[in-house]
Amino acid sequence: MARTPVLSTRLLLVCAAIGVATGIIGGIAGLLTPVVLLAAPFAYGLLLGSHVLPGIIAQEVLRRPLVALITHVIAALVASAFNPAWALRFLGTALLFGAIQEGVAALTRYRAWGAWRFFVSAAVIGVLVAVVVFFAAHLGALPLWAQVLYLVISVLGPIAWTAVGLAIGAALRRAGVAQR
């Protein structure tokens, strides 16, 4: 009896399609980043939160190991076409977000696919990104209200984008994308 490979061609093609679509969104977010950092740096977390989409959509649609990581890397490569100078940033973000999403899924042995699991990974990403970017971008120089707003938006940004990703993934499942 033939055994289906873990990474079938169909699975990789679905990851690629999701990666290209979300990579375009990531590329646009990358183009908007300098504008947001200059005009409203406290809102940066909402923009950065969009980078959770590749893994969330892929895991919701396919519910298999490694799909978040694969899709994130493809999305990062597509986003890099928009701003090649940020290719390493896109890839680093992809590997970090994908690893967190895969890690949370692995803790449940890839058996729990309730929305709560996706929101746990989003909260972890939000807190981690909020703290790292706060210090890396020297946001402590902002007024206290902007610092607080930045932290709130940075944690809630990935959570909001996760809700969007789950809705898209559920729609794709209903459309038959996940059928074997």
N, C-alpha and C. Protein backbone atom coordinates (compact mmCIF):
# COMPACT_ATOMS: atom_id res chain seq x y z
N MET A 1 0.84 -1.17 0.00
CA MET A 1 0.00 0.00 0.00
C MET A 1 0.89 1.24 0.00
N ALA A 2 0.62 2.17 -0.91
CA ALA A 2 1.42 3.39 -1.02
C ALA A 2 1.08 4.34 0.12
N ARG A 3 2.10 4.94 0.66
CA ARG A 3 1.92 5.88 1.76
C ARG A 3 2.05 7.30 1.22
N THR A 4 1.14 8.18 1.64
CA THR A 4 1.18 9.57 1.21
C THR A 4 2.34 10.27 1.90
N PRO A 5 3.18 10.94 1.13
CA PRO A 5 4.30 11.65 1.75
C PRO A 5 3.81 12.81 2.62
N VAL A 6 4.59 13.16 3.63
CA VAL A 6 4.22 14.26 4.53
C VAL A 6 4.06 15.56 3.75
N LEU A 7 4.97 15.79 2.82
CA LEU A 7 4.93 17.01 2.01
C LEU A 7 4.59 16.66 0.57
N SER A 8 3.33 16.39 0.33
CA SER A 8 2.90 16.04 -1.02
C SER A 8 2.97 17.25 -1.94
N THR A 9 2.92 17.00 -3.22
CA THR A 9 2.93 18.09 -4.19
C THR A 9 1.72 18.99 -3.99
N ARG A 10 0.57 18.41 -3.74
CA ARG A 10 -0.65 19.20 -3.51
C ARG A 10 -0.47 20.11 -2.31
N LEU A 11 0.07 19.59 -1.22
CA LEU A 11 0.28 20.37 -0.02
C LEU A 11 1.25 21.53 -0.30
N LEU A 12 2.33 21.25 -1.00
CA LEU A 12 3.30 22.29 -1.32
C LEU A 12 2.71 23.36 -2.24
N LEU A 13 1.86 22.95 -3.17
CA LEU A 13 1.23 23.92 -4.07
C LEU A 13 0.25 24.82 -3.32
N VAL A 14 -0.48 24.25 -2.38
CA VAL A 14 -1.38 25.08 -1.57
C VAL A 14 -0.57 26.05 -0.72
N CYS A 15 0.52 25.57 -0.12
CA CYS A 15 1.40 26.45 0.66
C CYS A 15 1.94 27.57 -0.23
N ALA A 16 2.32 27.23 -1.45
CA ALA A 16 2.86 28.23 -2.38
C ALA A 16 1.81 29.28 -2.73
N ALA A 17 0.60 28.85 -3.01
CA ALA A 17 -0.47 29.79 -3.36
C ALA A 17 -0.76 30.74 -2.20
N ILE A 18 -0.86 30.19 -1.00
CA ILE A 18 -1.10 31.02 0.19
C ILE A 18 0.10 31.93 0.42
N GLY A 19 1.30 31.40 0.25
CA GLY A 19 2.52 32.18 0.45
C GLY A 19 2.62 33.36 -0.51
N VAL A 20 2.27 33.14 -1.76
CA VAL A 20 2.32 34.24 -2.74
C VAL A 20 1.31 35.32 -2.38
N ALA A 21 0.08 34.92 -2.09
CA ALA A 21 -0.96 35.90 -1.77
C ALA A 21 -0.61 36.69 -0.51
N THR A 22 -0.16 36.00 0.53
CA THR A 22 0.17 36.71 1.77
C THR A 22 1.52 37.42 1.65
N GLY A 23 2.38 36.96 0.77
CA GLY A 23 3.64 37.65 0.53
C GLY A 23 3.42 39.01 -0.11
N ILE A 24 2.41 39.11 -0.94
CA ILE A 24 2.06 40.40 -1.54
C ILE A 24 1.60 41.35 -0.43
N ILE A 25 0.78 40.84 0.48
CA ILE A 25 0.33 41.66 1.61
C ILE A 25 1.54 42.07 2.46
N GLY A 26 2.44 41.13 2.72
CA GLY A 26 3.65 41.43 3.49
C GLY A 26 4.53 42.45 2.79
N GLY A 27 4.62 42.35 1.48
CA GLY A 27 5.41 43.32 0.71
C GLY A 27 4.83 44.72 0.81
N ILE A 28 3.52 44.81 0.72
CA ILE A 28 2.85 46.11 0.85
C ILE A 28 3.06 46.65 2.27
N ALA A 29 2.94 45.78 3.27
CA ALA A 29 3.20 46.20 4.65
C ALA A 29 4.64 46.71 4.80
N GLY A 30 5.57 46.04 4.14
CA GLY A 30 6.96 46.48 4.18
C GLY A 30 7.15 47.85 3.55
N LEU A 31 6.43 48.11 2.45
CA LEU A 31 6.52 49.42 1.81
C LEU A 31 5.92 50.52 2.69
N LEU A 32 4.89 50.17 3.45
CA LEU A 32 4.24 51.16 4.32
C LEU A 32 5.00 51.40 5.62
N THR A 33 5.90 50.49 5.98
CA THR A 33 6.61 50.57 7.26
C THR A 33 7.30 51.91 7.49
N PRO A 34 8.13 52.40 6.57
CA PRO A 34 8.79 53.69 6.85
C PRO A 34 7.80 54.83 7.08
N VAL A 35 6.71 54.84 6.33
CA VAL A 35 5.70 55.88 6.48
C VAL A 35 5.07 55.80 7.86
N VAL A 36 4.69 54.60 8.28
CA VAL A 36 4.06 54.42 9.59
C VAL A 36 5.04 54.76 10.71
N LEU A 37 6.30 54.33 10.58
CA LEU A 37 7.28 54.63 11.62
C LEU A 37 7.54 56.13 11.75
N LEU A 38 7.43 56.86 10.66
CA LEU A 38 7.62 58.32 10.73
C LEU A 38 6.36 59.04 11.20
N ALA A 39 5.22 58.63 10.69
CA ALA A 39 3.97 59.35 10.96
C ALA A 39 3.29 58.91 12.26
N ALA A 40 3.28 57.61 12.52
CA ALA A 40 2.56 57.09 13.69
C ALA A 40 3.24 55.83 14.20
N PRO A 41 4.43 55.95 14.79
CA PRO A 41 5.19 54.77 15.19
C PRO A 41 4.44 53.86 16.17
N PHE A 42 3.51 54.41 16.92
CA PHE A 42 2.74 53.60 17.87
C PHE A 42 1.84 52.60 17.16
N ALA A 43 1.57 52.80 15.85
CA ALA A 43 0.70 51.90 15.09
C ALA A 43 1.46 50.79 14.36
N TYR A 44 2.77 50.76 14.51
CA TYR A 44 3.59 49.80 13.77
C TYR A 44 3.19 48.35 14.05
N GLY A 45 2.77 48.04 15.24
CA GLY A 45 2.40 46.67 15.60
C GLY A 45 1.25 46.13 14.77
N LEU A 46 0.36 47.01 14.36
CA LEU A 46 -0.76 46.58 13.52
C LEU A 46 -0.26 46.18 12.14
N LEU A 47 0.69 46.94 11.63
CA LEU A 47 1.28 46.64 10.34
C LEU A 47 2.11 45.35 10.40
N LEU A 48 2.94 45.24 11.42
CA LEU A 48 3.79 44.06 11.58
C LEU A 48 2.95 42.81 11.84
N GLY A 49 1.81 42.98 12.49
CA GLY A 49 0.94 41.85 12.79
C GLY A 49 0.43 41.13 11.56
N SER A 50 0.40 41.83 10.42
CA SER A 50 -0.08 41.19 9.19
C SER A 50 0.79 40.02 8.76
N HIS A 51 2.01 39.98 9.27
CA HIS A 51 2.93 38.90 8.89
C HIS A 51 2.57 37.55 9.53
N VAL A 52 1.53 37.49 10.37
CA VAL A 52 1.09 36.19 10.90
C VAL A 52 0.24 35.44 9.89
N LEU A 53 -0.28 36.14 8.88
CA LEU A 53 -1.24 35.55 7.94
C LEU A 53 -0.78 34.27 7.25
N PRO A 54 0.44 34.18 6.72
CA PRO A 54 0.80 32.96 5.97
C PRO A 54 0.60 31.68 6.79
N GLY A 55 1.13 31.66 7.99
CA GLY A 55 1.05 30.45 8.81
C GLY A 55 -0.35 30.16 9.30
N ILE A 56 -1.08 31.21 9.68
CA ILE A 56 -2.44 31.02 10.18
C ILE A 56 -3.33 30.43 9.09
N ILE A 57 -3.29 31.01 7.92
CA ILE A 57 -4.13 30.52 6.82
C ILE A 57 -3.72 29.09 6.45
N ALA A 58 -2.41 28.85 6.31
CA ALA A 58 -1.94 27.51 5.92
C ALA A 58 -2.33 26.46 6.96
N GLN A 59 -2.17 26.77 8.23
CA GLN A 59 -2.53 25.78 9.26
C GLN A 59 -4.03 25.56 9.32
N GLU A 60 -4.80 26.62 9.16
CA GLU A 60 -6.26 26.46 9.20
C GLU A 60 -6.75 25.64 8.01
N VAL A 61 -6.15 25.83 6.85
CA VAL A 61 -6.58 25.11 5.65
C VAL A 61 -6.09 23.67 5.68
N LEU A 62 -4.80 23.48 5.94
CA LEU A 62 -4.18 22.16 5.75
C LEU A 62 -4.08 21.31 7.02
N ARG A 63 -3.93 21.95 8.17
CA ARG A 63 -3.86 21.25 9.46
C ARG A 63 -2.84 20.12 9.44
N ARG A 64 -1.63 20.49 9.02
CA ARG A 64 -0.52 19.53 8.92
C ARG A 64 0.75 20.14 9.48
N PRO A 65 1.70 19.32 9.90
CA PRO A 65 3.00 19.84 10.36
C PRO A 65 3.74 20.54 9.23
N LEU A 66 4.51 21.54 9.59
CA LEU A 66 5.43 22.29 8.74
C LEU A 66 4.78 23.27 7.77
N VAL A 67 3.46 23.26 7.63
CA VAL A 67 2.85 24.14 6.62
C VAL A 67 3.01 25.61 6.97
N ALA A 68 3.01 25.96 8.25
CA ALA A 68 3.19 27.36 8.63
C ALA A 68 4.58 27.84 8.24
N LEU A 69 5.56 27.05 8.56
CA LEU A 69 6.95 27.43 8.27
C LEU A 69 7.20 27.53 6.76
N ILE A 70 6.74 26.55 6.02
CA ILE A 70 6.93 26.56 4.56
C ILE A 70 6.25 27.77 3.94
N THR A 71 5.02 28.02 4.34
CA THR A 71 4.26 29.12 3.76
C THR A 71 4.86 30.47 4.13
N HIS A 72 5.34 30.58 5.37
CA HIS A 72 6.00 31.83 5.78
C HIS A 72 7.24 32.12 4.95
N VAL A 73 8.04 31.10 4.68
CA VAL A 73 9.27 31.31 3.90
C VAL A 73 8.92 31.74 2.47
N ILE A 74 7.92 31.10 1.88
CA ILE A 74 7.49 31.49 0.53
C ILE A 74 6.98 32.94 0.54
N ALA A 75 6.18 33.28 1.54
CA ALA A 75 5.66 34.65 1.64
C ALA A 75 6.80 35.65 1.80
N ALA A 76 7.81 35.30 2.57
CA ALA A 76 8.95 36.20 2.77
C ALA A 76 9.71 36.42 1.47
N LEU A 77 9.85 35.37 0.68
CA LEU A 77 10.54 35.52 -0.60
C LEU A 77 9.76 36.44 -1.54
N VAL A 78 8.44 36.29 -1.54
CA VAL A 78 7.60 37.17 -2.37
C VAL A 78 7.67 38.61 -1.86
N ALA A 79 7.56 38.80 -0.55
CA ALA A 79 7.63 40.14 0.03
C ALA A 79 8.97 40.80 -0.27
N SER A 80 10.02 40.01 -0.34
CA SER A 80 11.36 40.54 -0.63
C SER A 80 11.44 41.17 -2.02
N ALA A 81 10.59 40.75 -2.91
CA ALA A 81 10.57 41.36 -4.25
C ALA A 81 10.13 42.82 -4.18
N PHE A 82 9.34 43.18 -3.18
CA PHE A 82 8.89 44.55 -3.02
C PHE A 82 9.99 45.45 -2.47
N ASN A 83 10.84 44.87 -1.62
CA ASN A 83 11.92 45.63 -1.00
C ASN A 83 13.09 44.69 -0.75
N PRO A 84 13.92 44.45 -1.76
CA PRO A 84 15.02 43.50 -1.63
C PRO A 84 15.99 43.82 -0.49
N ALA A 85 16.11 45.08 -0.14
CA ALA A 85 17.00 45.45 0.97
C ALA A 85 16.54 44.86 2.29
N TRP A 86 15.26 44.54 2.40
CA TRP A 86 14.72 43.98 3.64
C TRP A 86 14.54 42.46 3.57
N ALA A 87 15.15 41.82 2.60
CA ALA A 87 14.97 40.37 2.43
C ALA A 87 15.30 39.60 3.71
N LEU A 88 16.39 39.94 4.36
CA LEU A 88 16.75 39.22 5.59
C LEU A 88 15.76 39.50 6.71
N ARG A 89 15.20 40.70 6.76
CA ARG A 89 14.17 41.00 7.77
C ARG A 89 12.92 40.17 7.52
N PHE A 90 12.52 40.12 6.24
CA PHE A 90 11.34 39.32 5.89
C PHE A 90 11.57 37.85 6.24
N LEU A 91 12.73 37.32 5.89
CA LEU A 91 13.03 35.91 6.18
C LEU A 91 13.14 35.66 7.68
N GLY A 92 13.77 36.57 8.40
CA GLY A 92 13.87 36.41 9.85
C GLY A 92 12.51 36.41 10.52
N THR A 93 11.66 37.35 10.10
CA THR A 93 10.30 37.41 10.63
C THR A 93 9.53 36.14 10.28
N ALA A 94 9.70 35.66 9.06
CA ALA A 94 9.02 34.44 8.62
C ALA A 94 9.44 33.25 9.46
N LEU A 95 10.73 33.12 9.68
CA LEU A 95 11.22 31.98 10.47
C LEU A 95 10.76 32.08 11.92
N LEU A 96 10.78 33.28 12.49
CA LEU A 96 10.35 33.46 13.88
C LEU A 96 8.86 33.17 14.03
N PHE A 97 8.04 33.83 13.20
CA PHE A 97 6.58 33.65 13.31
C PHE A 97 6.19 32.21 12.97
N GLY A 98 6.79 31.66 11.92
CA GLY A 98 6.49 30.28 11.55
C GLY A 98 6.88 29.29 12.64
N ALA A 99 8.04 29.51 13.25
CA ALA A 99 8.49 28.61 14.33
C ALA A 99 7.56 28.69 15.54
N ILE A 100 7.10 29.89 15.88
CA ILE A 100 6.17 30.02 17.00
C ILE A 100 4.86 29.32 16.68
N GLN A 101 4.33 29.54 15.47
CA GLN A 101 3.08 28.89 15.10
C GLN A 101 3.22 27.37 15.05
N GLU A 102 4.33 26.89 14.51
CA GLU A 102 4.57 25.44 14.49
C GLU A 102 4.77 24.91 15.90
N GLY A 103 5.46 25.67 16.74
CA GLY A 103 5.71 25.24 18.12
C GLY A 103 4.43 25.06 18.91
N VAL A 104 3.52 26.02 18.78
CA VAL A 104 2.24 25.90 19.49
C VAL A 104 1.45 24.70 18.96
N ALA A 105 1.47 24.51 17.64
CA ALA A 105 0.78 23.35 17.05
C ALA A 105 1.43 22.05 17.50
N ALA A 106 2.75 22.03 17.59
CA ALA A 106 3.46 20.82 18.02
C ALA A 106 3.15 20.48 19.47
N LEU A 107 2.96 21.50 20.31
CA LEU A 107 2.61 21.24 21.72
C LEU A 107 1.30 20.48 21.84
N THR A 108 0.42 20.65 20.86
CA THR A 108 -0.84 19.91 20.86
C THR A 108 -0.77 18.69 19.94
N ARG A 109 0.46 18.36 19.51
CA ARG A 109 0.72 17.23 18.61
C ARG A 109 -0.07 17.33 17.32
N TYR A 110 -0.27 18.54 16.89
CA TYR A 110 -1.00 18.82 15.63
C TYR A 110 -2.39 18.17 15.63
N ARG A 111 -3.02 18.16 16.80
CA ARG A 111 -4.36 17.56 16.92
C ARG A 111 -5.42 18.56 17.33
N ALA A 112 -5.02 19.68 17.94
CA ALA A 112 -5.99 20.68 18.39
C ALA A 112 -5.98 21.84 17.40
N TRP A 113 -7.10 22.04 16.73
CA TRP A 113 -7.17 23.09 15.72
C TRP A 113 -8.23 24.13 16.04
N GLY A 114 -8.61 24.22 17.30
CA GLY A 114 -9.57 25.25 17.70
C GLY A 114 -8.96 26.63 17.58
N ALA A 115 -9.82 27.62 17.47
CA ALA A 115 -9.35 29.00 17.32
C ALA A 115 -8.44 29.42 18.46
N TRP A 116 -8.69 28.90 19.67
CA TRP A 116 -7.87 29.28 20.83
C TRP A 116 -6.39 29.05 20.57
N ARG A 117 -6.06 27.95 19.87
CA ARG A 117 -4.67 27.60 19.63
C ARG A 117 -4.00 28.65 18.74
N PHE A 118 -4.72 29.13 17.75
CA PHE A 118 -4.19 30.16 16.86
C PHE A 118 -3.99 31.47 17.61
N PHE A 119 -4.93 31.79 18.50
CA PHE A 119 -4.83 33.03 19.26
C PHE A 119 -3.71 32.97 20.30
N VAL A 120 -3.40 31.79 20.79
CA VAL A 120 -2.26 31.64 21.71
C VAL A 120 -0.97 32.00 20.96
N SER A 121 -0.79 31.45 19.76
CA SER A 121 0.42 31.78 19.00
C SER A 121 0.45 33.26 18.65
N ALA A 122 -0.70 33.85 18.35
CA ALA A 122 -0.75 35.28 18.03
C ALA A 122 -0.36 36.13 19.24
N ALA A 123 -0.83 35.74 20.42
CA ALA A 123 -0.48 36.49 21.63
C ALA A 123 1.01 36.38 21.94
N VAL A 124 1.58 35.20 21.76
CA VAL A 124 3.02 35.02 21.97
C VAL A 124 3.80 35.91 21.01
N ILE A 125 3.41 35.88 19.74
CA ILE A 125 4.07 36.72 18.74
C ILE A 125 3.91 38.20 19.10
N GLY A 126 2.71 38.60 19.48
CA GLY A 126 2.45 40.00 19.81
C GLY A 126 3.29 40.50 20.96
N VAL A 127 3.37 39.72 22.02
CA VAL A 127 4.17 40.12 23.19
C VAL A 127 5.65 40.18 22.82
N LEU A 128 6.13 39.17 22.14
CA LEU A 128 7.54 39.12 21.76
C LEU A 128 7.91 40.31 20.86
N VAL A 129 7.11 40.53 19.85
CA VAL A 129 7.38 41.63 18.92
C VAL A 129 7.27 42.98 19.62
N ALA A 130 6.26 43.13 20.48
CA ALA A 130 6.08 44.40 21.19
C ALA A 130 7.33 44.77 21.98
N VAL A 131 7.87 43.81 22.69
CA VAL A 131 9.04 44.07 23.53
C VAL A 131 10.28 44.32 22.68
N VAL A 132 10.53 43.46 21.70
CA VAL A 132 11.74 43.59 20.87
C VAL A 132 11.74 44.90 20.10
N VAL A 133 10.64 45.21 19.42
CA VAL A 133 10.59 46.43 18.61
C VAL A 133 10.62 47.66 19.51
N PHE A 134 10.01 47.59 20.68
CA PHE A 134 10.02 48.73 21.60
C PHE A 134 11.45 49.18 21.88
N PHE A 135 12.33 48.20 22.17
CA PHE A 135 13.71 48.56 22.48
C PHE A 135 14.54 48.81 21.22
N ALA A 136 14.33 48.01 20.17
CA ALA A 136 15.12 48.16 18.95
C ALA A 136 14.86 49.50 18.26
N ALA A 137 13.62 49.96 18.29
CA ALA A 137 13.25 51.21 17.62
C ALA A 137 13.28 52.40 18.58
N HIS A 138 13.75 52.19 19.79
CA HIS A 138 13.88 53.27 20.79
C HIS A 138 12.55 53.99 21.01
N LEU A 139 11.49 53.20 21.13
CA LEU A 139 10.16 53.80 21.30
C LEU A 139 9.96 54.37 22.70
N GLY A 140 10.92 54.12 23.59
CA GLY A 140 10.87 54.73 24.92
C GLY A 140 10.98 56.24 24.87
N ALA A 141 11.43 56.78 23.74
CA ALA A 141 11.54 58.23 23.57
C ALA A 141 10.19 58.87 23.27
N LEU A 142 9.18 58.06 22.97
CA LEU A 142 7.85 58.60 22.68
C LEU A 142 7.18 59.02 23.98
N PRO A 143 6.16 59.87 23.90
CA PRO A 143 5.38 60.21 25.10
C PRO A 143 4.75 58.94 25.69
N LEU A 144 4.48 58.97 26.97
CA LEU A 144 3.96 57.78 27.67
C LEU A 144 2.69 57.24 27.01
N TRP A 145 1.77 58.12 26.58
CA TRP A 145 0.54 57.64 25.96
C TRP A 145 0.84 56.85 24.68
N ALA A 146 1.85 57.30 23.91
CA ALA A 146 2.21 56.62 22.66
C ALA A 146 2.89 55.28 22.96
N GLN A 147 3.67 55.23 24.03
CA GLN A 147 4.31 53.96 24.41
C GLN A 147 3.25 52.92 24.80
N VAL A 148 2.29 53.33 25.60
CA VAL A 148 1.22 52.42 26.03
C VAL A 148 0.39 51.99 24.82
N LEU A 149 0.04 52.94 23.98
CA LEU A 149 -0.75 52.63 22.79
C LEU A 149 0.02 51.68 21.87
N TYR A 150 1.32 51.92 21.72
CA TYR A 150 2.16 51.03 20.91
C TYR A 150 2.11 49.60 21.46
N LEU A 151 2.30 49.44 22.77
CA LEU A 151 2.30 48.09 23.36
C LEU A 151 0.96 47.40 23.17
N VAL A 152 -0.13 48.13 23.38
CA VAL A 152 -1.47 47.54 23.21
C VAL A 152 -1.69 47.13 21.76
N ILE A 153 -1.37 48.03 20.82
CA ILE A 153 -1.58 47.74 19.40
C ILE A 153 -0.67 46.60 18.94
N SER A 154 0.55 46.55 19.45
CA SER A 154 1.50 45.50 19.04
C SER A 154 1.05 44.12 19.51
N VAL A 155 0.41 44.04 20.65
CA VAL A 155 -0.10 42.75 21.12
C VAL A 155 -1.40 42.40 20.41
N LEU A 156 -2.27 43.39 20.22
CA LEU A 156 -3.56 43.11 19.60
C LEU A 156 -3.49 43.00 18.07
N GLY A 157 -2.46 43.59 17.45
CA GLY A 157 -2.32 43.52 15.99
C GLY A 157 -2.28 42.09 15.47
N PRO A 158 -1.34 41.26 15.96
CA PRO A 158 -1.32 39.86 15.49
C PRO A 158 -2.60 39.09 15.82
N ILE A 159 -3.23 39.45 16.92
CA ILE A 159 -4.48 38.77 17.29
C ILE A 159 -5.58 39.13 16.29
N ALA A 160 -5.67 40.41 15.92
CA ALA A 160 -6.67 40.84 14.93
C ALA A 160 -6.39 40.20 13.57
N TRP A 161 -5.12 40.18 13.15
CA TRP A 161 -4.78 39.56 11.86
C TRP A 161 -5.02 38.06 11.90
N THR A 162 -4.88 37.45 13.07
CA THR A 162 -5.17 36.02 13.19
C THR A 162 -6.65 35.75 12.95
N ALA A 163 -7.50 36.62 13.46
CA ALA A 163 -8.95 36.47 13.22
C ALA A 163 -9.24 36.57 11.72
N VAL A 164 -8.57 37.49 11.04
CA VAL A 164 -8.74 37.63 9.58
C VAL A 164 -8.24 36.36 8.89
N GLY A 165 -7.06 35.87 9.29
CA GLY A 165 -6.50 34.66 8.70
C GLY A 165 -7.37 33.44 8.90
N LEU A 166 -7.96 33.30 10.10
CA LEU A 166 -8.85 32.17 10.36
C LEU A 166 -10.09 32.24 9.48
N ALA A 167 -10.61 33.44 9.27
CA ALA A 167 -11.79 33.59 8.41
C ALA A 167 -11.45 33.21 6.97
N ILE A 168 -10.30 33.66 6.49
CA ILE A 168 -9.87 33.31 5.14
C ILE A 168 -9.64 31.80 5.02
N GLY A 169 -8.95 31.23 6.01
CA GLY A 169 -8.68 29.79 6.00
C GLY A 169 -9.95 28.97 6.03
N ALA A 170 -10.91 29.38 6.85
CA ALA A 170 -12.19 28.66 6.93
C ALA A 170 -12.93 28.74 5.59
N ALA A 171 -12.87 29.89 4.94
CA ALA A 171 -13.52 30.04 3.63
C ALA A 171 -12.85 29.14 2.60
N LEU A 172 -11.53 29.05 2.64
CA LEU A 172 -10.81 28.18 1.71
C LEU A 172 -11.14 26.70 1.96
N ARG A 173 -11.28 26.33 3.24
CA ARG A 173 -11.67 24.94 3.56
C ARG A 173 -13.07 24.65 3.00
N ARG A 174 -13.99 25.59 3.21
CA ARG A 174 -15.35 25.40 2.68
C ARG A 174 -15.35 25.31 1.17
N ALA A 175 -14.43 26.00 0.52
CA ALA A 175 -14.33 25.98 -0.94
C ALA A 175 -13.70 24.69 -1.45
N GLY A 176 -13.20 23.86 -0.55
CA GLY A 176 -12.65 22.56 -0.95
C GLY A 176 -11.16 22.52 -1.13
N VAL A 177 -10.45 23.58 -0.74
CA VAL A 177 -8.99 23.60 -0.90
C VAL A 177 -8.32 22.50 -0.09
N ALA A 178 -8.87 22.15 1.04
CA ALA A 178 -8.24 21.19 1.93
C ALA A 178 -8.59 19.73 1.61
N GLN A 179 -9.46 19.50 0.67
CA GLN A 179 -9.86 18.13 0.38
C GLN A 179 -8.68 17.35 -0.18
N ARG A 180 -8.65 16.08 0.17
CA ARG A 180 -7.57 15.20 -0.30
C ARG A 180 -7.87 14.67 -1.67
